Amino acid sequence: MALQLITDTHAISYGLYRVNNPVISIMGSSIFFTAGPVFTIGTLFAQFYPKKRWIRILNIFAFSTLFYFQEALMLFSGSLTYINWHFTNSIVIDMCIMIILSWFSIVVLDKKEDMS
């Protein structure tokens, strides 16, 4: 949630995109986005992190794709407006955040690799 808030706060303050009608705003983002899908996906990502290395790579791509589609839905619904932003930027950011969450799962949560 912290990564999402930091990313959104900076991007919104630089005029890269805008969250329309956030209902309850938290640092420019919507509390429902932060506490809903971001918290849920982040928790599931860390809790069910795969032990095999090749599945970890697939996991990063799968979760990044899910966030990409969610952002597309927010764009099409009018909840999000790109000003100086592009889908490619979102994919790169999503991949970086999933890699950071992977590192967190391995190092901080101590999810060891299965050698089989």
PDB file of N, CA and C in Angstrom:
ATOM      1  N   MET A   1       0.824  -1.181   0.000  1.00  0.00           N
ATOM      2  CA  MET A   1       0.000   0.000   0.000  1.00  0.00           C
ATOM      3  C   MET A   1       0.871   1.249   0.000  1.00  0.00           C
ATOM      4  N   ALA A   2       1.980   1.190   0.725  1.00  0.00           N
ATOM      5  CA  ALA A   2       2.894   2.333   0.777  1.00  0.00           C
ATOM      6  C   ALA A   2       3.494   2.616  -0.601  1.00  0.00           C
ATOM      7  N   LEU A   3       3.894   1.558  -1.315  1.00  0.00           N
ATOM      8  CA  LEU A   3       4.447   1.749  -2.659  1.00  0.00           C
ATOM      9  C   LEU A   3       3.419   2.396  -3.590  1.00  0.00           C
ATOM     10  N   GLN A   4       2.188   1.967  -3.511  1.00  0.00           N
ATOM     11  CA  GLN A   4       1.135   2.531  -4.354  1.00  0.00           C
ATOM     12  C   GLN A   4       0.899   3.985  -4.009  1.00  0.00           C
ATOM     13  N   LEU A   5       0.831   4.306  -2.730  1.00  0.00           N
ATOM     14  CA  LEU A   5       0.598   5.694  -2.321  1.00  0.00           C
ATOM     15  C   LEU A   5       1.752   6.611  -2.732  1.00  0.00           C
ATOM     16  N   ILE A   6       2.970   6.140  -2.563  1.00  0.00           N
ATOM     17  CA  ILE A   6       4.133   6.941  -2.960  1.00  0.00           C
ATOM     18  C   ILE A   6       4.120   7.174  -4.472  1.00  0.00           C
ATOM     19  N   THR A   7       3.900   6.113  -5.234  1.00  0.00           N
ATOM     20  CA  THR A   7       3.878   6.224  -6.687  1.00  0.00           C
ATOM     21  C   THR A   7       2.767   7.156  -7.152  1.00  0.00           C
ATOM     22  N   ASP A   8       1.556   6.937  -6.649  1.00  0.00           N
ATOM     23  CA  ASP A   8       0.426   7.773  -7.059  1.00  0.00           C
ATOM     24  C   ASP A   8       0.586   9.221  -6.624  1.00  0.00           C
ATOM     25  N   THR A   9       1.057   9.444  -5.414  1.00  0.00           N
ATOM     26  CA  THR A   9       1.226  10.811  -4.923  1.00  0.00           C
ATOM     27  C   THR A   9       2.194  11.591  -5.798  1.00  0.00           C
ATOM     28  N   HIS A  10       3.319  10.972  -6.137  1.00  0.00           N
ATOM     29  CA  HIS A  10       4.289  11.656  -6.989  1.00  0.00           C
ATOM     30  C   HIS A  10       3.753  11.872  -8.405  1.00  0.00           C
ATOM     31  N   ALA A  11       3.156  10.857  -8.974  1.00  0.00           N
ATOM     32  CA  ALA A  11       2.643  10.975 -10.344  1.00  0.00           C
ATOM     33  C   ALA A  11       1.529  12.018 -10.427  1.00  0.00           C
ATOM     34  N   ILE A  12       0.652  12.046  -9.445  1.00  0.00           N
ATOM     35  CA  ILE A  12      -0.436  13.033  -9.436  1.00  0.00           C
ATOM     36  C   ILE A  12       0.114  14.432  -9.223  1.00  0.00           C
ATOM     37  N   SER A  13       1.082  14.580  -8.325  1.00  0.00           N
ATOM     38  CA  SER A  13       1.647  15.910  -8.066  1.00  0.00           C
ATOM     39  C   SER A  13       2.431  16.453  -9.265  1.00  0.00           C
ATOM     40  N   TYR A  14       2.982  15.563 -10.100  1.00  0.00           N
ATOM     41  CA  TYR A  14       3.689  15.984 -11.310  1.00  0.00           C
ATOM     42  C   TYR A  14       2.752  16.133 -12.506  1.00  0.00           C
ATOM     43  N   GLY A  15       1.463  15.891 -12.299  1.00  0.00           N
ATOM     44  CA  GLY A  15       0.489  16.051 -13.372  1.00  0.00           C
ATOM     45  C   GLY A  15       0.544  14.962 -14.430  1.00  0.00           C
ATOM     46  N   LEU A  16       0.945  13.772 -14.044  1.00  0.00           N
ATOM     47  CA  LEU A  16       1.031  12.673 -15.004  1.00  0.00           C
ATOM     48  C   LEU A  16      -0.326  12.017 -15.242  1.00  0.00           C
ATOM     49  N   TYR A  17      -1.105  11.888 -14.190  1.00  0.00           N
ATOM     50  CA  TYR A  17      -2.475  11.398 -14.315  1.00  0.00           C
ATOM     51  C   TYR A  17      -3.302  11.931 -13.150  1.00  0.00           C
ATOM     52  N   ARG A  18      -4.610  11.709 -13.238  1.00  0.00           N
ATOM     53  CA  ARG A  18      -5.532  12.241 -12.234  1.00  0.00           C
ATOM     54  C   ARG A  18      -6.559  11.168 -11.887  1.00  0.00           C
ATOM     55  N   VAL A  19      -6.878  11.059 -10.608  1.00  0.00           N
ATOM     56  CA  VAL A  19      -7.932  10.169 -10.150  1.00  0.00           C
ATOM     57  C   VAL A  19      -9.198  11.020 -10.057  1.00  0.00           C
ATOM     58  N   ASN A  20     -10.220  10.632 -10.804  1.00  0.00           N
ATOM     59  CA  ASN A  20     -11.477  11.378 -10.842  1.00  0.00           C
ATOM     60  C   ASN A  20     -12.450  10.853  -9.792  1.00  0.00           C
ATOM     61  N   ASN A  21     -13.063  11.745  -9.052  1.00  0.00           N
ATOM     62  CA  ASN A  21     -14.062  11.384  -8.043  1.00  0.00           C
ATOM     63  C   ASN A  21     -13.607  10.265  -7.110  1.00  0.00           C
ATOM     64  N   PRO A  22     -12.546  10.492  -6.347  1.00  0.00           N
ATOM     65  CA  PRO A  22     -12.029   9.411  -5.494  1.00  0.00           C
ATOM     66  C   PRO A  22     -12.918   9.083  -4.295  1.00  0.00           C
ATOM     67  N   VAL A  23     -14.018   9.777  -4.071  1.00  0.00           N
ATOM     68  CA  VAL A  23     -14.947   9.639  -2.948  1.00  0.00           C
ATOM     69  C   VAL A  23     -14.229   9.996  -1.652  1.00  0.00           C
ATOM     70  N   ILE A  24     -13.292   9.180  -1.226  1.00  0.00           N
ATOM     71  CA  ILE A  24     -12.462   9.494  -0.059  1.00  0.00           C
ATOM     72  C   ILE A  24     -11.022   9.514  -0.544  1.00  0.00           C
ATOM     73  N   SER A  25     -10.462  10.706  -0.584  1.00  0.00           N
ATOM     74  CA  SER A  25      -9.111  10.875  -1.121  1.00  0.00           C
ATOM     75  C   SER A  25      -8.070  10.653  -0.024  1.00  0.00           C
ATOM     76  N   ILE A  26      -7.020   9.935  -0.387  1.00  0.00           N
ATOM     77  CA  ILE A  26      -5.882   9.749   0.497  1.00  0.00           C
ATOM     78  C   ILE A  26      -4.637  10.065  -0.327  1.00  0.00           C
ATOM     79  N   MET A  27      -4.081  11.222  -0.083  1.00  0.00           N
ATOM     80  CA  MET A  27      -2.887  11.696  -0.776  1.00  0.00           C
ATOM     81  C   MET A  27      -3.100  11.745  -2.295  1.00  0.00           C
ATOM     82  N   GLY A  28      -4.297  12.097  -2.737  1.00  0.00           N
ATOM     83  CA  GLY A  28      -4.612  12.215  -4.152  1.00  0.00           C
ATOM     84  C   GLY A  28      -5.174  10.951  -4.773  1.00  0.00           C
ATOM     85  N   SER A  29      -4.990   9.829  -4.126  1.00  0.00           N
ATOM     86  CA  SER A  29      -5.508   8.561  -4.617  1.00  0.00           C
ATOM     87  C   SER A  29      -6.829   8.254  -3.909  1.00  0.00           C
ATOM     88  N   SER A  30      -7.478   7.190  -4.311  1.00  0.00           N
ATOM     89  CA  SER A  30      -8.727   6.783  -3.681  1.00  0.00           C
ATOM     90  C   SER A  30      -8.459   5.760  -2.582  1.00  0.00           C
ATOM     91  N   ILE A  31      -9.069   5.954  -1.428  1.00  0.00           N
ATOM     92  CA  ILE A  31      -8.918   5.003  -0.321  1.00  0.00           C
ATOM     93  C   ILE A  31      -9.458   3.628  -0.723  1.00  0.00           C
ATOM     94  N   PHE A  32     -10.470   3.623  -1.586  1.00  0.00           N
ATOM     95  CA  PHE A  32     -11.051   2.347  -2.004  1.00  0.00           C
ATOM     96  C   PHE A  32     -10.099   1.560  -2.898  1.00  0.00           C
ATOM     97  N   PHE A  33      -9.300   2.249  -3.704  1.00  0.00           N
ATOM     98  CA  PHE A  33      -8.299   1.572  -4.523  1.00  0.00           C
ATOM     99  C   PHE A  33      -7.157   1.067  -3.641  1.00  0.00           C
ATOM    100  N   THR A  34      -6.709   1.928  -2.714  1.00  0.00           N
ATOM    101  CA  THR A  34      -5.581   1.568  -1.845  1.00  0.00           C
ATOM    102  C   THR A  34      -5.936   0.423  -0.901  1.00  0.00           C
ATOM    103  N   ALA A  35      -7.085   0.518  -0.249  1.00  0.00           N
ATOM    104  CA  ALA A  35      -7.473  -0.486   0.741  1.00  0.00           C
ATOM    105  C   ALA A  35      -8.134  -1.704   0.101  1.00  0.00           C
ATOM    106  N   GLY A  36      -8.545  -1.587  -1.143  1.00  0.00           N
ATOM    107  CA  GLY A  36      -9.210  -2.692  -1.816  1.00  0.00           C
ATOM    108  C   GLY A  36      -8.239  -3.575  -2.565  1.00  0.00           C
ATOM    109  N   PRO A  37      -8.127  -3.365  -3.872  1.00  0.00           N
ATOM    110  CA  PRO A  37      -7.299  -4.272  -4.681  1.00  0.00           C
ATOM    111  C   PRO A  37      -5.813  -4.234  -4.348  1.00  0.00           C
ATOM    112  N   VAL A  38      -5.278  -3.076  -4.018  1.00  0.00           N
ATOM    113  CA  VAL A  38      -3.839  -2.999  -3.726  1.00  0.00           C
ATOM    114  C   VAL A  38      -3.504  -3.806  -2.475  1.00  0.00           C
ATOM    115  N   PHE A  39      -4.247  -3.612  -1.411  1.00  0.00           N
ATOM    116  CA  PHE A  39      -4.003  -4.353  -0.170  1.00  0.00           C
ATOM    117  C   PHE A  39      -4.241  -5.853  -0.373  1.00  0.00           C
ATOM    118  N   THR A  40      -5.346  -6.187  -1.042  1.00  0.00           N
ATOM    119  CA  THR A  40      -5.698  -7.597  -1.237  1.00  0.00           C
ATOM    120  C   THR A  40      -4.666  -8.322  -2.092  1.00  0.00           C
ATOM    121  N   ILE A  41      -4.333  -7.750  -3.247  1.00  0.00           N
ATOM    122  CA  ILE A  41      -3.367  -8.398  -4.137  1.00  0.00           C
ATOM    123  C   ILE A  41      -1.992  -8.467  -3.476  1.00  0.00           C
ATOM    124  N   GLY A  42      -1.583  -7.398  -2.783  1.00  0.00           N
ATOM    125  CA  GLY A  42      -0.296  -7.400  -2.086  1.00  0.00           C
ATOM    126  C   GLY A  42      -0.214  -8.480  -1.026  1.00  0.00           C
ATOM    127  N   THR A  43      -1.291  -8.652  -0.279  1.00  0.00           N
ATOM    128  CA  THR A  43      -1.335  -9.678   0.759  1.00  0.00           C
ATOM    129  C   THR A  43      -1.299 -11.073   0.147  1.00  0.00           C
ATOM    130  N   LEU A  44      -2.112 -11.295  -0.865  1.00  0.00           N
ATOM    131  CA  LEU A  44      -2.120 -12.605  -1.528  1.00  0.00           C
ATOM    132  C   LEU A  44      -0.779 -12.902  -2.182  1.00  0.00           C
ATOM    133  N   PHE A  45      -0.170 -11.889  -2.785  1.00  0.00           N
ATOM    134  CA  PHE A  45       1.125 -12.058  -3.436  1.00  0.00           C
ATOM    135  C   PHE A  45       2.160 -12.554  -2.434  1.00  0.00           C
ATOM    136  N   ALA A  46       2.210 -11.934  -1.267  1.00  0.00           N
ATOM    137  CA  ALA A  46       3.197 -12.311  -0.254  1.00  0.00           C
ATOM    138  C   ALA A  46       2.845 -13.628   0.435  1.00  0.00           C
ATOM    139  N   GLN A  47       1.568 -13.853   0.677  1.00  0.00           N
ATOM    140  CA  GLN A  47       1.155 -15.042   1.415  1.00  0.00           C
ATOM    141  C   GLN A  47       1.330 -16.323   0.598  1.00  0.00           C
ATOM    142  N   PHE A  48       1.042 -16.269  -0.680  1.00  0.00           N
ATOM    143  CA  PHE A  48       1.099 -17.460  -1.522  1.00  0.00           C
ATOM    144  C   PHE A  48       2.246 -17.378  -2.519  1.00  0.00           C
ATOM    145  N   TYR A  49       3.378 -16.865  -2.075  1.00  0.00           N
ATOM    146  CA  TYR A  49       4.528 -16.691  -2.950  1.00  0.00           C
ATOM    147  C   TYR A  49       5.128 -18.048  -3.284  1.00  0.00           C
ATOM    148  N   PRO A  50       5.320 -18.339  -4.586  1.00  0.00           N
ATOM    149  CA  PRO A  50       5.850 -19.654  -4.968  1.00  0.00           C
ATOM    150  C   PRO A  50       7.294 -19.874  -4.523  1.00  0.00           C
ATOM    151  N   LYS A  51       7.642 -21.108  -4.289  1.00  0.00           N
ATOM    152  CA  LYS A  51       8.988 -21.435  -3.847  1.00  0.00           C
ATOM    153  C   LYS A  51       9.940 -21.664  -5.015  1.00  0.00           C
ATOM    154  N   LYS A  52       9.430 -22.121  -6.140  1.00  0.00           N
ATOM    155  CA  LYS A  52      10.296 -22.390  -7.297  1.00  0.00           C
ATOM    156  C   LYS A  52      10.554 -21.109  -8.079  1.00  0.00           C
ATOM    157  N   ARG A  53      11.813 -20.946  -8.487  1.00  0.00           N
ATOM    158  CA  ARG A  53      12.255 -19.710  -9.131  1.00  0.00           C
ATOM    159  C   ARG A  53      11.494 -19.408 -10.425  1.00  0.00           C
ATOM    160  N   TRP A  54      11.292 -20.383 -11.285  1.00  0.00           N
ATOM    161  CA  TRP A  54      10.642 -20.126 -12.567  1.00  0.00           C
ATOM    162  C   TRP A  54       9.181 -19.749 -12.382  1.00  0.00           C
ATOM    163  N   ILE A  55       8.543 -20.281 -11.356  1.00  0.00           N
ATOM    164  CA  ILE A  55       7.151 -19.905 -11.088  1.00  0.00           C
ATOM    165  C   ILE A  55       7.098 -18.488 -10.513  1.00  0.00           C
ATOM    166  N   ARG A  56       8.129 -18.067  -9.795  1.00  0.00           N
ATOM    167  CA  ARG A  56       8.196 -16.694  -9.283  1.00  0.00           C
ATOM    168  C   ARG A  56       8.174 -15.694 -10.431  1.00  0.00           C
ATOM    169  N   ILE A  57       8.914 -16.010 -11.496  1.00  0.00           N
ATOM    170  CA  ILE A  57       8.956 -15.118 -12.656  1.00  0.00           C
ATOM    171  C   ILE A  57       7.575 -15.045 -13.306  1.00  0.00           C
ATOM    172  N   LEU A  58       6.917 -16.182 -13.468  1.00  0.00           N
ATOM    173  CA  LEU A  58       5.554 -16.194 -14.000  1.00  0.00           C
ATOM    174  C   LEU A  58       4.607 -15.418 -13.092  1.00  0.00           C
ATOM    175  N   ASN A  59       4.807 -15.546 -11.788  1.00  0.00           N
ATOM    176  CA  ASN A  59       3.988 -14.854 -10.797  1.00  0.00           C
ATOM    177  C   ASN A  59       4.091 -13.333 -10.972  1.00  0.00           C
ATOM    178  N   ILE A  60       5.298 -12.837 -11.176  1.00  0.00           N
ATOM    179  CA  ILE A  60       5.512 -11.404 -11.372  1.00  0.00           C
ATOM    180  C   ILE A  60       4.768 -10.932 -12.619  1.00  0.00           C
ATOM    181  N   PHE A  61       4.888 -11.670 -13.712  1.00  0.00           N
ATOM    182  CA  PHE A  61       4.195 -11.287 -14.951  1.00  0.00           C
ATOM    183  C   PHE A  61       2.677 -11.363 -14.793  1.00  0.00           C
ATOM    184  N   ALA A  62       2.188 -12.403 -14.100  1.00  0.00           N
ATOM    185  CA  ALA A  62       0.744 -12.565 -13.922  1.00  0.00           C
ATOM    186  C   ALA A  62       0.156 -11.414 -13.098  1.00  0.00           C
ATOM    187  N   PHE A  63       0.780 -11.089 -11.981  1.00  0.00           N
ATOM    188  CA  PHE A  63       0.260 -10.015 -11.142  1.00  0.00           C
ATOM    189  C   PHE A  63       0.400  -8.648 -11.814  1.00  0.00           C
ATOM    190  N   SER A  64       1.473  -8.448 -12.547  1.00  0.00           N
ATOM    191  CA  SER A  64       1.636  -7.190 -13.286  1.00  0.00           C
ATOM    192  C   SER A  64       0.544  -7.041 -14.336  1.00  0.00           C
ATOM    193  N   THR A  65       0.210  -8.143 -14.998  1.00  0.00           N
ATOM    194  CA  THR A  65      -0.856  -8.126 -15.999  1.00  0.00           C
ATOM    195  C   THR A  65      -2.201  -7.830 -15.359  1.00  0.00           C
ATOM    196  N   LEU A  66      -2.450  -8.403 -14.186  1.00  0.00           N
ATOM    197  CA  LEU A  66      -3.709  -8.117 -13.482  1.00  0.00           C
ATOM    198  C   LEU A  66      -3.830  -6.633 -13.140  1.00  0.00           C
ATOM    199  N   PHE A  67      -2.754  -6.033 -12.645  1.00  0.00           N
ATOM    200  CA  PHE A  67      -2.787  -4.608 -12.335  1.00  0.00           C
ATOM    201  C   PHE A  67      -2.959  -3.776 -13.601  1.00  0.00           C
ATOM    202  N   TYR A  68      -2.357  -4.210 -14.687  1.00  0.00           N
ATOM    203  CA  TYR A  68      -2.489  -3.513 -15.962  1.00  0.00           C
ATOM    204  C   TYR A  68      -3.951  -3.514 -16.413  1.00  0.00           C
ATOM    205  N   PHE A  69      -4.619  -4.669 -16.346  1.00  0.00           N
ATOM    206  CA  PHE A  69      -6.018  -4.748 -16.738  1.00  0.00           C
ATOM    207  C   PHE A  69      -6.919  -3.940 -15.807  1.00  0.00           C
ATOM    208  N   GLN A  70      -6.584  -3.931 -14.530  1.00  0.00           N
ATOM    209  CA  GLN A  70      -7.373  -3.130 -13.598  1.00  0.00           C
ATOM    210  C   GLN A  70      -7.255  -1.647 -13.946  1.00  0.00           C
ATOM    211  N   GLU A  71      -6.058  -1.211 -14.277  1.00  0.00           N
ATOM    212  CA  GLU A  71      -5.863   0.182 -14.662  1.00  0.00           C
ATOM    213  C   GLU A  71      -6.623   0.505 -15.943  1.00  0.00           C
ATOM    214  N   ALA A  72      -6.636  -0.429 -16.887  1.00  0.00           N
ATOM    215  CA  ALA A  72      -7.396  -0.235 -18.126  1.00  0.00           C
ATOM    216  C   ALA A  72      -8.883  -0.078 -17.820  1.00  0.00           C
ATOM    217  N   LEU A  73      -9.390  -0.880 -16.898  1.00  0.00           N
ATOM    218  CA  LEU A  73     -10.797  -0.756 -16.502  1.00  0.00           C
ATOM    219  C   LEU A  73     -11.078   0.595 -15.852  1.00  0.00           C
ATOM    220  N   MET A  74     -10.136   1.070 -15.048  1.00  0.00           N
ATOM    221  CA  MET A  74     -10.308   2.382 -14.410  1.00  0.00           C
ATOM    222  C   MET A  74     -10.300   3.491 -15.457  1.00  0.00           C
ATOM    223  N   LEU A  75      -9.477   3.350 -16.481  1.00  0.00           N
ATOM    224  CA  LEU A  75      -9.451   4.326 -17.579  1.00  0.00           C
ATOM    225  C   LEU A  75     -10.769   4.326 -18.336  1.00  0.00           C
ATOM    226  N   PHE A  76     -11.244   3.151 -18.713  1.00  0.00           N
ATOM    227  CA  PHE A  76     -12.471   3.041 -19.486  1.00  0.00           C
ATOM    228  C   PHE A  76     -13.697   3.486 -18.698  1.00  0.00           C
ATOM    229  N   SER A  77     -13.669   3.331 -17.383  1.00  0.00           N
ATOM    230  CA  SER A  77     -14.807   3.766 -16.554  1.00  0.00           C
ATOM    231  C   SER A  77     -14.771   5.262 -16.271  1.00  0.00           C
ATOM    232  N   GLY A  78     -13.642   5.909 -16.533  1.00  0.00           N
ATOM    233  CA  GLY A  78     -13.520   7.340 -16.279  1.00  0.00           C
ATOM    234  C   GLY A  78     -13.017   7.677 -14.887  1.00  0.00           C
ATOM    235  N   SER A  79     -12.653   6.671 -14.117  1.00  0.00           N
ATOM    236  CA  SER A  79     -12.130   6.902 -12.765  1.00  0.00           C
ATOM    237  C   SER A  79     -10.702   7.426 -12.781  1.00  0.00           C
ATOM    238  N   LEU A  80     -10.019   7.219 -13.894  1.00  0.00           N
ATOM    239  CA  LEU A  80      -8.625   7.612 -14.038  1.00  0.00           C
ATOM    240  C   LEU A  80      -8.451   8.304 -15.384  1.00  0.00           C
ATOM    241  N   THR A  81      -7.691   9.396 -15.379  1.00  0.00           N
ATOM    242  CA  THR A  81      -7.411  10.132 -16.612  1.00  0.00           C
ATOM    243  C   THR A  81      -5.914  10.308 -16.753  1.00  0.00           C
ATOM    244  N   TYR A  82      -5.385   9.869 -17.895  1.00  0.00           N
ATOM    245  CA  TYR A  82      -3.974  10.100 -18.198  1.00  0.00           C
ATOM    246  C   TYR A  82      -3.808  11.522 -18.711  1.00  0.00           C
ATOM    247  N   ILE A  83      -2.814  12.232 -18.185  1.00  0.00           N
ATOM    248  CA  ILE A  83      -2.494  13.571 -18.661  1.00  0.00           C
ATOM    249  C   ILE A  83      -1.181  13.510 -19.439  1.00  0.00           C
ATOM    250  N   ASN A  84      -0.112  13.117 -18.791  1.00  0.00           N
ATOM    251  CA  ASN A  84       1.204  12.927 -19.419  1.00  0.00           C
ATOM    252  C   ASN A  84       1.719  11.529 -19.089  1.00  0.00           C
ATOM    253  N   TRP A  85       0.916  10.533 -19.314  1.00  0.00           N
ATOM    254  CA  TRP A  85       1.215   9.161 -18.909  1.00  0.00           C
ATOM    255  C   TRP A  85       0.835   8.228 -20.039  1.00  0.00           C
ATOM    256  N   HIS A  86       1.364   7.011 -20.019  1.00  0.00           N
ATOM    257  CA  HIS A  86       1.064   6.023 -21.044  1.00  0.00           C
ATOM    258  C   HIS A  86       1.027   4.640 -20.394  1.00  0.00           C
ATOM    259  N   PHE A  87       0.327   3.706 -21.038  1.00  0.00           N
ATOM    260  CA  PHE A  87       0.246   2.339 -20.526  1.00  0.00           C
ATOM    261  C   PHE A  87       1.618   1.718 -20.307  1.00  0.00           C
ATOM    262  N   THR A  88       2.555   2.024 -21.183  1.00  0.00           N
ATOM    263  CA  THR A  88       3.907   1.468 -21.060  1.00  0.00           C
ATOM    264  C   THR A  88       4.530   1.850 -19.722  1.00  0.00           C
ATOM    265  N   ASN A  89       4.311   3.089 -19.301  1.00  0.00           N
ATOM    266  CA  ASN A  89       4.826   3.526 -17.993  1.00  0.00           C
ATOM    267  C   ASN A  89       4.236   2.674 -16.873  1.00  0.00           C
ATOM    268  N   SER A  90       2.957   2.394 -16.974  1.00  0.00           N
ATOM    269  CA  SER A  90       2.295   1.600 -15.938  1.00  0.00           C
ATOM    270  C   SER A  90       2.841   0.179 -15.880  1.00  0.00           C
ATOM    271  N   ILE A  91       3.080  -0.419 -17.036  1.00  0.00           N
ATOM    272  CA  ILE A  91       3.625  -1.781 -17.064  1.00  0.00           C
ATOM    273  C   ILE A  91       4.985  -1.819 -16.369  1.00  0.00           C
ATOM    274  N   VAL A  92       5.847  -0.858 -16.683  1.00  0.00           N
ATOM    275  CA  VAL A  92       7.182  -0.815 -16.075  1.00  0.00           C
ATOM    276  C   VAL A  92       7.071  -0.640 -14.561  1.00  0.00           C
ATOM    277  N   ILE A  93       6.236   0.285 -14.121  1.00  0.00           N
ATOM    278  CA  ILE A  93       6.042   0.520 -12.681  1.00  0.00           C
ATOM    279  C   ILE A  93       5.480  -0.733 -12.013  1.00  0.00           C
ATOM    280  N   ASP A  94       4.484  -1.356 -12.621  1.00  0.00           N
ATOM    281  CA  ASP A  94       3.886  -2.570 -12.038  1.00  0.00           C
ATOM    282  C   ASP A  94       4.918  -3.687 -11.910  1.00  0.00           C
ATOM    283  N   MET A  95       5.723  -3.871 -12.946  1.00  0.00           N
ATOM    284  CA  MET A  95       6.768  -4.911 -12.895  1.00  0.00           C
ATOM    285  C   MET A  95       7.770  -4.610 -11.773  1.00  0.00           C
ATOM    286  N   CYS A  96       8.191  -3.359 -11.663  1.00  0.00           N
ATOM    287  CA  CYS A  96       9.151  -2.979 -10.609  1.00  0.00           C
ATOM    288  C   CYS A  96       8.563  -3.221  -9.222  1.00  0.00           C
ATOM    289  N   ILE A  97       7.308  -2.873  -9.048  1.00  0.00           N
ATOM    290  CA  ILE A  97       6.673  -3.069  -7.737  1.00  0.00           C
ATOM    291  C   ILE A  97       6.535  -4.555  -7.423  1.00  0.00           C
ATOM    292  N   MET A  98       6.209  -5.376  -8.411  1.00  0.00           N
ATOM    293  CA  MET A  98       6.112  -6.826  -8.171  1.00  0.00           C
ATOM    294  C   MET A  98       7.484  -7.421  -7.841  1.00  0.00           C
ATOM    295  N   ILE A  99       8.530  -6.903  -8.464  1.00  0.00           N
ATOM    296  CA  ILE A  99       9.886  -7.363  -8.143  1.00  0.00           C
ATOM    297  C   ILE A  99      10.251  -6.971  -6.713  1.00  0.00           C
ATOM    298  N   ILE A 100       9.881  -5.770  -6.300  1.00  0.00           N
ATOM    299  CA  ILE A 100      10.129  -5.329  -4.923  1.00  0.00           C
ATOM    300  C   ILE A 100       9.345  -6.196  -3.946  1.00  0.00           C
ATOM    301  N   LEU A 101       8.090  -6.495  -4.271  1.00  0.00           N
ATOM    302  CA  LEU A 101       7.300  -7.373  -3.401  1.00  0.00           C
ATOM    303  C   LEU A 101       7.897  -8.783  -3.360  1.00  0.00           C
ATOM    304  N   SER A 102       8.468  -9.229  -4.457  1.00  0.00           N
ATOM    305  CA  SER A 102       9.138 -10.535  -4.478  1.00  0.00           C
ATOM    306  C   SER A 102      10.333 -10.535  -3.532  1.00  0.00           C
ATOM    307  N   TRP A 103      11.133  -9.484  -3.621  1.00  0.00           N
ATOM    308  CA  TRP A 103      12.289  -9.352  -2.727  1.00  0.00           C
ATOM    309  C   TRP A 103      11.812  -9.349  -1.276  1.00  0.00           C
ATOM    310  N   PHE A 104      10.750  -8.607  -0.994  1.00  0.00           N
ATOM    311  CA  PHE A 104      10.192  -8.536   0.360  1.00  0.00           C
ATOM    312  C   PHE A 104       9.769  -9.927   0.831  1.00  0.00           C
ATOM    313  N   SER A 105       9.115 -10.673  -0.052  1.00  0.00           N
ATOM    314  CA  SER A 105       8.666 -12.024   0.305  1.00  0.00           C
ATOM    315  C   SER A 105       9.837 -12.958   0.593  1.00  0.00           C
ATOM    316  N   ILE A 106      10.909 -12.826  -0.188  1.00  0.00           N
ATOM    317  CA  ILE A 106      12.066 -13.711  -0.013  1.00  0.00           C
ATOM    318  C   ILE A 106      12.892 -13.314   1.208  1.00  0.00           C
ATOM    319  N   VAL A 107      13.236 -12.039   1.312  1.00  0.00           N
ATOM    320  CA  VAL A 107      14.169 -11.579   2.345  1.00  0.00           C
ATOM    321  C   VAL A 107      13.469 -11.325   3.677  1.00  0.00           C
ATOM    322  N   VAL A 108      12.412 -10.549   3.660  1.00  0.00           N
ATOM    323  CA  VAL A 108      11.772 -10.152   4.915  1.00  0.00           C
ATOM    324  C   VAL A 108      10.881 -11.260   5.463  1.00  0.00           C
ATOM    325  N   LEU A 109      10.060 -11.868   4.602  1.00  0.00           N
ATOM    326  CA  LEU A 109       9.167 -12.929   5.062  1.00  0.00           C
ATOM    327  C   LEU A 109       9.844 -14.289   5.082  1.00  0.00           C
ATOM    328  N   ASP A 110      11.096 -14.341   4.581  1.00  0.00           N
ATOM    329  CA  ASP A 110      11.934 -15.533   4.630  1.00  0.00           C
ATOM    330  C   ASP A 110      11.303 -16.730   3.922  1.00  0.00           C
ATOM    331  N   LYS A 111      10.817 -16.515   2.698  1.00  0.00           N
ATOM    332  CA  LYS A 111      10.265 -17.600   1.888  1.00  0.00           C
ATOM    333  C   LYS A 111      11.413 -18.229   1.109  1.00  0.00           C
ATOM    334  N   LYS A 112      11.914 -19.329   1.586  1.00  0.00           N
ATOM    335  CA  LYS A 112      13.073 -20.016   0.985  1.00  0.00           C
ATOM    336  C   LYS A 112      12.676 -20.733  -0.290  1.00  0.00           C
ATOM    337  N   GLU A 113      13.646 -20.886  -1.193  1.00  0.00           N
ATOM    338  CA  GLU A 113      13.423 -21.586  -2.458  1.00  0.00           C
ATOM    339  C   GLU A 113      13.484 -23.090  -2.240  1.00  0.00           C
ATOM    340  N   ASP A 114      12.553 -23.792  -2.888  1.00  0.00           N
ATOM    341  CA  ASP A 114      12.565 -25.242  -2.887  1.00  0.00           C
ATOM    342  C   ASP A 114      13.551 -25.702  -3.954  1.00  0.00           C
ATOM    343  N   MET A 115      14.478 -26.542  -3.628  1.00  0.00           N
ATOM    344  CA  MET A 115      15.550 -26.943  -4.540  1.00  0.00           C
ATOM    345  C   MET A 115      15.126 -28.039  -5.514  1.00  0.00           C
ATOM    346  N   SER A 116      13.859 -28.464  -5.480  1.00  0.00           N
ATOM    347  CA  SER A 116      13.428 -29.539  -6.392  1.00  0.00           C
ATOM    348  C   SER A 116      12.943 -29.019  -7.704  1.00  0.00           C
TER     349      SER A 116
END
